[in-house]
């Protein structure tokens, strides 16, 4: 019986200490995020073809965003969607669309999976053929 109480106590303490884990992804993504790294895994592909390789994305309430990079400033939208995979696991996806009206340029990306590693570290994964791109965002 003591083991049960100890387990429940540890569970309560761990959940209480990590309230951020329980917050909805839509609340947690709001703010400015710097793209700190993009990793390519698997065969083929190049990160130079990705629309978001560097810069800062500010996710705003109302699902609008601002993307600033060396190539310009973009305004756009974002959307999070919960999906279920074949094994019944829930995952979060992210769609980003950004437009540079001055330069007449559009950038868009669909991330197949989104994971908060911590309050200040967000990882977005894109699967493309035989390779996977993993983008790391750090809160500013």
N, C-alpha and C. Protein backbone atom coordinates (compact mmCIF):
# COMPACT_ATOMS: atom_id res chain seq x y z
N UNK A 1 0.81 -1.18 0.00
CA UNK A 1 0.00 0.00 0.00
C UNK A 1 0.86 1.26 0.00
N UNK A 2 2.01 1.18 0.73
CA UNK A 2 2.92 2.33 0.76
C UNK A 2 3.46 2.63 -0.63
N UNK A 3 3.73 1.58 -1.41
CA UNK A 3 4.24 1.78 -2.77
C UNK A 3 3.22 2.53 -3.62
N UNK A 4 1.94 2.23 -3.45
CA UNK A 4 0.89 2.90 -4.20
C UNK A 4 0.83 4.37 -3.85
N UNK A 5 0.88 4.68 -2.55
CA UNK A 5 0.85 6.08 -2.12
C UNK A 5 2.08 6.84 -2.60
N UNK A 6 3.24 6.19 -2.52
CA UNK A 6 4.47 6.81 -2.99
C UNK A 6 4.40 7.09 -4.49
N UNK A 7 3.88 6.14 -5.25
CA UNK A 7 3.74 6.32 -6.71
C UNK A 7 2.79 7.46 -7.02
N UNK A 8 1.66 7.52 -6.33
CA UNK A 8 0.69 8.60 -6.55
C UNK A 8 1.29 9.95 -6.17
N UNK A 9 2.03 10.01 -5.09
CA UNK A 9 2.67 11.24 -4.66
C UNK A 9 3.68 11.72 -5.71
N UNK A 10 4.51 10.81 -6.20
CA UNK A 10 5.50 11.17 -7.22
C UNK A 10 4.82 11.64 -8.50
N UNK A 11 3.75 10.99 -8.89
CA UNK A 11 3.01 11.39 -10.09
C UNK A 11 2.42 12.77 -9.91
N UNK A 12 1.84 13.04 -8.76
CA UNK A 12 1.24 14.35 -8.48
C UNK A 12 2.31 15.44 -8.51
N UNK A 13 3.44 15.19 -7.89
CA UNK A 13 4.53 16.17 -7.86
C UNK A 13 5.06 16.42 -9.27
N UNK A 14 5.26 15.36 -10.06
CA UNK A 14 5.82 15.54 -11.40
C UNK A 14 4.85 16.28 -12.31
N UNK A 15 3.56 16.00 -12.20
CA UNK A 15 2.58 16.72 -13.02
C UNK A 15 2.48 18.16 -12.56
N UNK A 16 2.52 18.39 -11.27
CA UNK A 16 2.42 19.75 -10.74
C UNK A 16 3.61 20.60 -11.12
N UNK A 17 4.78 20.00 -11.28
CA UNK A 17 5.98 20.75 -11.62
C UNK A 17 6.08 21.05 -13.11
N UNK A 18 5.32 20.36 -13.91
CA UNK A 18 5.43 20.56 -15.36
C UNK A 18 4.08 20.95 -15.96
N UNK A 19 3.50 22.01 -15.43
CA UNK A 19 2.20 22.46 -15.90
C UNK A 19 2.22 22.81 -17.38
N UNK A 20 3.38 23.23 -17.88
CA UNK A 20 3.49 23.61 -19.29
C UNK A 20 3.17 22.43 -20.21
N UNK A 21 3.48 21.22 -19.77
CA UNK A 21 3.23 20.03 -20.58
C UNK A 21 1.73 19.87 -20.83
N UNK A 22 0.92 20.29 -19.88
CA UNK A 22 -0.52 20.13 -19.99
C UNK A 22 -1.18 21.24 -20.80
N UNK A 23 -0.48 22.34 -21.00
CA UNK A 23 -1.06 23.44 -21.77
C UNK A 23 -1.26 23.03 -23.22
N UNK A 24 -2.27 23.55 -23.82
CA UNK A 24 -2.58 23.27 -25.22
C UNK A 24 -1.47 23.81 -26.12
N UNK A 25 -1.16 23.08 -27.19
CA UNK A 25 -0.11 23.50 -28.12
C UNK A 25 -0.37 24.90 -28.66
N UNK A 26 -1.63 25.25 -28.89
CA UNK A 26 -1.94 26.57 -29.45
C UNK A 26 -1.54 27.68 -28.50
N UNK A 27 -1.65 27.45 -27.21
CA UNK A 27 -1.21 28.45 -26.24
C UNK A 27 0.31 28.49 -26.14
N UNK A 28 0.93 27.33 -26.20
CA UNK A 28 2.37 27.24 -26.00
C UNK A 28 3.17 27.81 -27.18
N UNK A 29 2.60 27.78 -28.38
CA UNK A 29 3.35 28.22 -29.56
C UNK A 29 3.39 29.75 -29.70
N UNK A 30 2.47 30.45 -29.04
CA UNK A 30 2.40 31.90 -29.15
C UNK A 30 3.72 32.51 -28.66
N UNK A 31 4.30 33.39 -29.49
CA UNK A 31 5.54 34.06 -29.15
C UNK A 31 6.53 34.02 -30.30
N UNK A 32 7.72 34.53 -30.06
CA UNK A 32 8.77 34.58 -31.09
C UNK A 32 9.71 33.40 -30.94
N UNK A 33 9.97 32.74 -32.08
CA UNK A 33 10.83 31.56 -32.12
C UNK A 33 11.90 31.75 -33.19
N UNK A 34 13.15 31.57 -32.80
CA UNK A 34 14.28 31.64 -33.73
C UNK A 34 14.57 30.24 -34.24
N UNK A 35 14.75 30.10 -35.55
CA UNK A 35 15.12 28.81 -36.12
C UNK A 35 16.61 28.63 -35.82
N UNK A 36 16.91 27.67 -34.94
CA UNK A 36 18.29 27.51 -34.48
C UNK A 36 19.05 26.45 -35.27
N UNK A 37 18.33 25.48 -35.86
CA UNK A 37 19.02 24.41 -36.58
C UNK A 37 18.01 23.66 -37.45
N UNK A 38 18.49 23.15 -38.58
CA UNK A 38 17.69 22.27 -39.42
C UNK A 38 18.56 21.06 -39.75
N UNK A 39 18.09 19.88 -39.35
CA UNK A 39 18.82 18.64 -39.60
C UNK A 39 18.14 17.85 -40.69
N UNK A 40 18.95 17.22 -41.54
CA UNK A 40 18.43 16.32 -42.58
C UNK A 40 18.80 14.91 -42.19
N UNK A 41 17.81 14.01 -42.23
CA UNK A 41 18.05 12.61 -41.91
C UNK A 41 17.59 11.76 -43.08
N UNK A 42 18.29 10.69 -43.37
CA UNK A 42 17.91 9.78 -44.44
C UNK A 42 18.68 10.04 -45.72
N UNK A 43 18.21 9.42 -46.80
CA UNK A 43 18.89 9.48 -48.09
C UNK A 43 18.41 10.66 -48.92
N UNK A 44 19.34 11.35 -49.55
CA UNK A 44 19.01 12.42 -50.48
C UNK A 44 18.48 13.66 -49.80
N UNK A 45 18.09 14.61 -50.62
CA UNK A 45 17.51 15.84 -50.11
C UNK A 45 18.55 16.86 -49.69
N UNK A 46 18.12 18.09 -49.60
CA UNK A 46 19.00 19.17 -49.20
C UNK A 46 18.18 20.19 -48.41
N UNK A 47 18.77 20.72 -47.36
CA UNK A 47 18.07 21.73 -46.58
C UNK A 47 17.97 23.06 -47.32
N UNK A 48 18.74 23.24 -48.37
CA UNK A 48 18.70 24.51 -49.11
C UNK A 48 17.37 24.71 -49.82
N UNK A 49 16.59 23.65 -50.00
CA UNK A 49 15.28 23.77 -50.66
C UNK A 49 14.15 24.09 -49.69
N UNK A 50 14.43 24.12 -48.40
CA UNK A 50 13.39 24.38 -47.42
C UNK A 50 13.07 25.86 -47.32
N UNK A 51 11.80 26.22 -47.21
CA UNK A 51 11.44 27.64 -47.15
C UNK A 51 11.82 28.33 -45.85
N UNK A 52 11.88 27.58 -44.74
CA UNK A 52 12.21 28.16 -43.44
C UNK A 52 13.46 27.49 -42.89
N UNK A 53 14.64 28.08 -43.20
CA UNK A 53 15.92 27.53 -42.77
C UNK A 53 16.58 28.40 -41.71
N UNK A 54 16.22 29.65 -41.67
CA UNK A 54 16.81 30.60 -40.73
C UNK A 54 15.81 31.71 -40.49
N UNK A 55 16.10 32.54 -39.50
CA UNK A 55 15.22 33.66 -39.21
C UNK A 55 14.37 33.44 -37.96
N UNK A 56 13.37 34.28 -37.80
CA UNK A 56 12.50 34.25 -36.64
C UNK A 56 11.04 34.24 -37.07
N UNK A 57 10.27 33.36 -36.46
CA UNK A 57 8.83 33.33 -36.70
C UNK A 57 8.14 33.72 -35.41
N UNK A 58 7.26 34.72 -35.49
CA UNK A 58 6.46 35.12 -34.35
C UNK A 58 5.04 34.64 -34.59
N UNK A 59 4.62 33.67 -33.78
CA UNK A 59 3.27 33.13 -33.85
C UNK A 59 2.39 34.00 -32.96
N UNK A 60 1.35 34.57 -33.53
CA UNK A 60 0.47 35.47 -32.80
C UNK A 60 -0.89 34.83 -32.58
N UNK A 61 -1.61 35.37 -31.60
CA UNK A 61 -2.98 34.91 -31.38
C UNK A 61 -3.79 35.24 -32.63
N UNK A 62 -4.85 34.49 -32.86
CA UNK A 62 -5.62 34.69 -34.08
C UNK A 62 -5.02 33.96 -35.26
N UNK A 63 -4.01 33.13 -34.98
CA UNK A 63 -3.35 32.31 -36.01
C UNK A 63 -2.69 33.12 -37.13
N UNK A 64 -2.17 34.28 -36.78
CA UNK A 64 -1.37 35.05 -37.73
C UNK A 64 0.09 34.95 -37.30
N UNK A 65 1.00 35.27 -38.24
CA UNK A 65 2.42 35.20 -37.93
C UNK A 65 3.19 36.25 -38.69
N UNK A 66 4.40 36.44 -38.22
CA UNK A 66 5.37 37.32 -38.88
C UNK A 66 6.67 36.54 -38.96
N UNK A 67 7.22 36.43 -40.18
CA UNK A 67 8.47 35.72 -40.40
C UNK A 67 9.50 36.74 -40.88
N UNK A 68 10.62 36.83 -40.18
CA UNK A 68 11.69 37.76 -40.54
C UNK A 68 12.96 36.96 -40.81
N UNK A 69 13.54 37.20 -41.98
CA UNK A 69 14.78 36.51 -42.35
C UNK A 69 15.64 37.47 -43.17
N UNK A 70 16.79 36.99 -43.59
CA UNK A 70 17.68 37.81 -44.41
C UNK A 70 17.06 38.13 -45.77
N UNK A 71 16.09 37.32 -46.20
CA UNK A 71 15.46 37.53 -47.51
C UNK A 71 14.26 38.46 -47.46
N UNK A 72 13.81 38.85 -46.27
CA UNK A 72 12.69 39.78 -46.18
C UNK A 72 11.81 39.52 -44.97
N UNK A 73 10.73 40.29 -44.93
CA UNK A 73 9.74 40.17 -43.86
C UNK A 73 8.44 39.67 -44.48
N UNK A 74 7.88 38.66 -43.86
CA UNK A 74 6.69 38.01 -44.38
C UNK A 74 5.58 38.08 -43.33
N UNK A 75 4.35 38.19 -43.80
CA UNK A 75 3.16 38.12 -42.94
C UNK A 75 2.37 36.90 -43.38
N UNK A 76 1.72 36.23 -42.44
CA UNK A 76 0.98 35.06 -42.85
C UNK A 76 0.12 34.46 -41.77
N UNK A 77 -0.14 33.15 -41.93
CA UNK A 77 -1.00 32.43 -41.01
C UNK A 77 -0.36 31.11 -40.62
N UNK A 78 -0.85 30.56 -39.53
CA UNK A 78 -0.43 29.25 -39.07
C UNK A 78 -1.65 28.48 -38.59
N UNK A 79 -1.53 27.15 -38.60
CA UNK A 79 -2.63 26.32 -38.15
C UNK A 79 -2.07 25.04 -37.56
N UNK A 80 -2.61 24.62 -36.43
CA UNK A 80 -2.27 23.36 -35.79
C UNK A 80 -3.43 22.40 -35.95
N UNK A 81 -3.12 21.15 -36.28
CA UNK A 81 -4.16 20.14 -36.45
C UNK A 81 -3.70 18.87 -35.74
N UNK A 82 -4.60 18.29 -34.93
CA UNK A 82 -4.31 17.01 -34.28
C UNK A 82 -4.65 15.89 -35.25
N UNK A 83 -3.72 14.97 -35.41
CA UNK A 83 -3.92 13.82 -36.30
C UNK A 83 -3.65 12.54 -35.53
N UNK A 84 -4.25 11.45 -35.98
CA UNK A 84 -4.02 10.13 -35.41
C UNK A 84 -3.30 9.29 -36.44
N UNK A 85 -2.24 8.60 -36.03
CA UNK A 85 -1.53 7.73 -36.97
C UNK A 85 -2.13 6.32 -36.95
N UNK A 86 -1.55 5.42 -37.74
CA UNK A 86 -2.08 4.05 -37.87
C UNK A 86 -2.05 3.27 -36.55
N UNK A 87 -1.14 3.62 -35.65
CA UNK A 87 -1.05 2.92 -34.37
C UNK A 87 -1.96 3.54 -33.31
N UNK A 88 -2.72 4.55 -33.68
CA UNK A 88 -3.63 5.19 -32.73
C UNK A 88 -2.98 6.25 -31.87
N UNK A 89 -1.75 6.66 -32.23
CA UNK A 89 -1.05 7.70 -31.49
C UNK A 89 -1.45 9.07 -32.02
N UNK A 90 -1.68 10.00 -31.11
CA UNK A 90 -2.03 11.36 -31.51
C UNK A 90 -0.76 12.16 -31.77
N UNK A 91 -0.77 12.95 -32.81
CA UNK A 91 0.35 13.86 -33.08
C UNK A 91 -0.21 15.20 -33.53
N UNK A 92 0.62 16.20 -33.41
CA UNK A 92 0.25 17.57 -33.75
C UNK A 92 0.96 17.95 -35.03
N UNK A 93 0.24 18.53 -36.00
CA UNK A 93 0.86 19.01 -37.24
C UNK A 93 0.79 20.53 -37.28
N UNK A 94 1.66 21.14 -38.08
CA UNK A 94 1.72 22.59 -38.20
C UNK A 94 1.80 22.99 -39.66
N UNK A 95 0.92 23.89 -40.07
CA UNK A 95 0.92 24.45 -41.43
C UNK A 95 1.27 25.93 -41.32
N UNK A 96 2.27 26.37 -42.08
CA UNK A 96 2.69 27.78 -42.09
C UNK A 96 2.62 28.30 -43.51
N UNK A 97 2.01 29.46 -43.69
CA UNK A 97 1.99 30.16 -44.97
C UNK A 97 2.38 31.61 -44.70
N UNK A 98 3.39 32.13 -45.43
CA UNK A 98 3.87 33.49 -45.23
C UNK A 98 4.09 34.17 -46.57
N UNK A 99 3.72 35.47 -46.65
CA UNK A 99 3.80 36.23 -47.89
C UNK A 99 4.63 37.48 -47.67
N UNK A 100 5.58 37.73 -48.57
CA UNK A 100 6.34 38.99 -48.62
C UNK A 100 5.69 39.82 -49.71
N UNK A 101 4.83 40.75 -49.31
CA UNK A 101 4.09 41.55 -50.28
C UNK A 101 5.00 42.46 -51.09
N UNK A 102 6.06 42.98 -50.47
CA UNK A 102 6.98 43.87 -51.18
C UNK A 102 7.76 43.12 -52.25
N UNK A 103 8.21 41.91 -51.92
CA UNK A 103 9.02 41.14 -52.86
C UNK A 103 8.21 40.14 -53.68
N UNK A 104 6.90 40.11 -53.47
CA UNK A 104 6.02 39.20 -54.22
C UNK A 104 6.49 37.75 -54.10
N UNK A 105 6.72 37.32 -52.85
CA UNK A 105 7.21 35.97 -52.59
C UNK A 105 6.31 35.28 -51.56
N UNK A 106 6.09 33.99 -51.75
CA UNK A 106 5.28 33.20 -50.83
C UNK A 106 6.10 32.00 -50.34
N UNK A 107 6.05 31.75 -49.04
CA UNK A 107 6.70 30.58 -48.45
C UNK A 107 5.64 29.80 -47.68
N UNK A 108 5.71 28.50 -47.79
CA UNK A 108 4.77 27.66 -47.06
C UNK A 108 5.42 26.35 -46.68
N UNK A 109 4.97 25.79 -45.56
CA UNK A 109 5.50 24.51 -45.11
C UNK A 109 4.45 23.79 -44.29
N UNK A 110 4.45 22.46 -44.43
CA UNK A 110 3.61 21.60 -43.63
C UNK A 110 4.52 20.67 -42.84
N UNK A 111 4.46 20.78 -41.52
CA UNK A 111 5.26 19.91 -40.65
C UNK A 111 4.38 18.76 -40.18
N UNK A 112 4.85 17.53 -40.38
CA UNK A 112 4.10 16.33 -40.05
C UNK A 112 3.98 16.08 -38.55
N UNK A 113 4.89 16.64 -37.79
CA UNK A 113 4.88 16.39 -36.35
C UNK A 113 5.49 17.58 -35.63
N UNK A 114 4.95 17.88 -34.47
CA UNK A 114 5.40 19.00 -33.67
C UNK A 114 5.59 18.50 -32.25
N UNK A 115 6.72 18.87 -31.62
CA UNK A 115 7.00 18.39 -30.28
C UNK A 115 7.69 19.49 -29.48
N UNK A 116 7.13 19.79 -28.32
CA UNK A 116 7.78 20.72 -27.41
C UNK A 116 8.75 19.93 -26.55
N UNK A 117 10.05 20.17 -26.72
CA UNK A 117 11.06 19.49 -25.92
C UNK A 117 11.17 20.15 -24.54
N UNK A 118 10.87 21.44 -24.50
CA UNK A 118 10.83 22.20 -23.25
C UNK A 118 10.00 23.45 -23.53
N UNK A 119 9.90 24.31 -22.54
CA UNK A 119 9.14 25.55 -22.71
C UNK A 119 9.75 26.42 -23.82
N UNK A 120 11.06 26.31 -24.01
CA UNK A 120 11.77 27.18 -24.95
C UNK A 120 12.36 26.45 -26.15
N UNK A 121 12.00 25.20 -26.36
CA UNK A 121 12.55 24.41 -27.47
C UNK A 121 11.42 23.65 -28.15
N UNK A 122 11.18 23.99 -29.40
CA UNK A 122 10.13 23.39 -30.21
C UNK A 122 10.79 22.68 -31.39
N UNK A 123 10.37 21.46 -31.68
CA UNK A 123 10.92 20.69 -32.79
C UNK A 123 9.80 20.35 -33.76
N UNK A 124 9.99 20.71 -35.04
CA UNK A 124 9.01 20.41 -36.09
C UNK A 124 9.66 19.48 -37.10
N UNK A 125 8.95 18.41 -37.46
CA UNK A 125 9.49 17.38 -38.35
C UNK A 125 8.68 17.32 -39.63
N UNK A 126 9.40 17.24 -40.75
CA UNK A 126 8.77 17.12 -42.07
C UNK A 126 9.34 15.87 -42.74
N UNK A 127 8.45 14.98 -43.15
CA UNK A 127 8.86 13.77 -43.86
C UNK A 127 8.67 14.01 -45.35
N UNK A 128 9.70 13.70 -46.13
CA UNK A 128 9.65 13.91 -47.57
C UNK A 128 10.39 12.78 -48.27
N UNK A 129 9.64 11.82 -48.78
CA UNK A 129 10.27 10.69 -49.45
C UNK A 129 11.13 9.88 -48.50
N UNK A 130 12.38 9.71 -48.86
CA UNK A 130 13.30 8.89 -48.06
C UNK A 130 14.07 9.70 -47.03
N UNK A 131 13.72 10.94 -46.87
CA UNK A 131 14.44 11.74 -45.89
C UNK A 131 13.46 12.52 -45.02
N UNK A 132 14.00 12.98 -43.91
CA UNK A 132 13.23 13.73 -42.92
C UNK A 132 14.01 14.98 -42.57
N UNK A 133 13.29 16.08 -42.42
CA UNK A 133 13.90 17.34 -41.99
C UNK A 133 13.39 17.66 -40.60
N UNK A 134 14.30 17.97 -39.70
CA UNK A 134 13.95 18.31 -38.33
C UNK A 134 14.39 19.74 -38.08
N UNK A 135 13.41 20.61 -37.82
CA UNK A 135 13.69 22.03 -37.58
C UNK A 135 13.57 22.31 -36.10
N UNK A 136 14.60 22.92 -35.53
CA UNK A 136 14.62 23.27 -34.12
C UNK A 136 14.35 24.76 -33.98
N UNK A 137 13.37 25.09 -33.17
CA UNK A 137 13.03 26.48 -32.86
C UNK A 137 13.35 26.74 -31.39
N UNK A 138 13.94 27.90 -31.13
CA UNK A 138 14.24 28.32 -29.76
C UNK A 138 13.49 29.61 -29.48
N UNK A 139 12.83 29.65 -28.31
CA UNK A 139 12.08 30.85 -27.95
C UNK A 139 13.03 32.02 -27.75
N UNK A 140 12.63 33.18 -28.25
CA UNK A 140 13.44 34.39 -28.10
C UNK A 140 13.08 35.13 -26.85
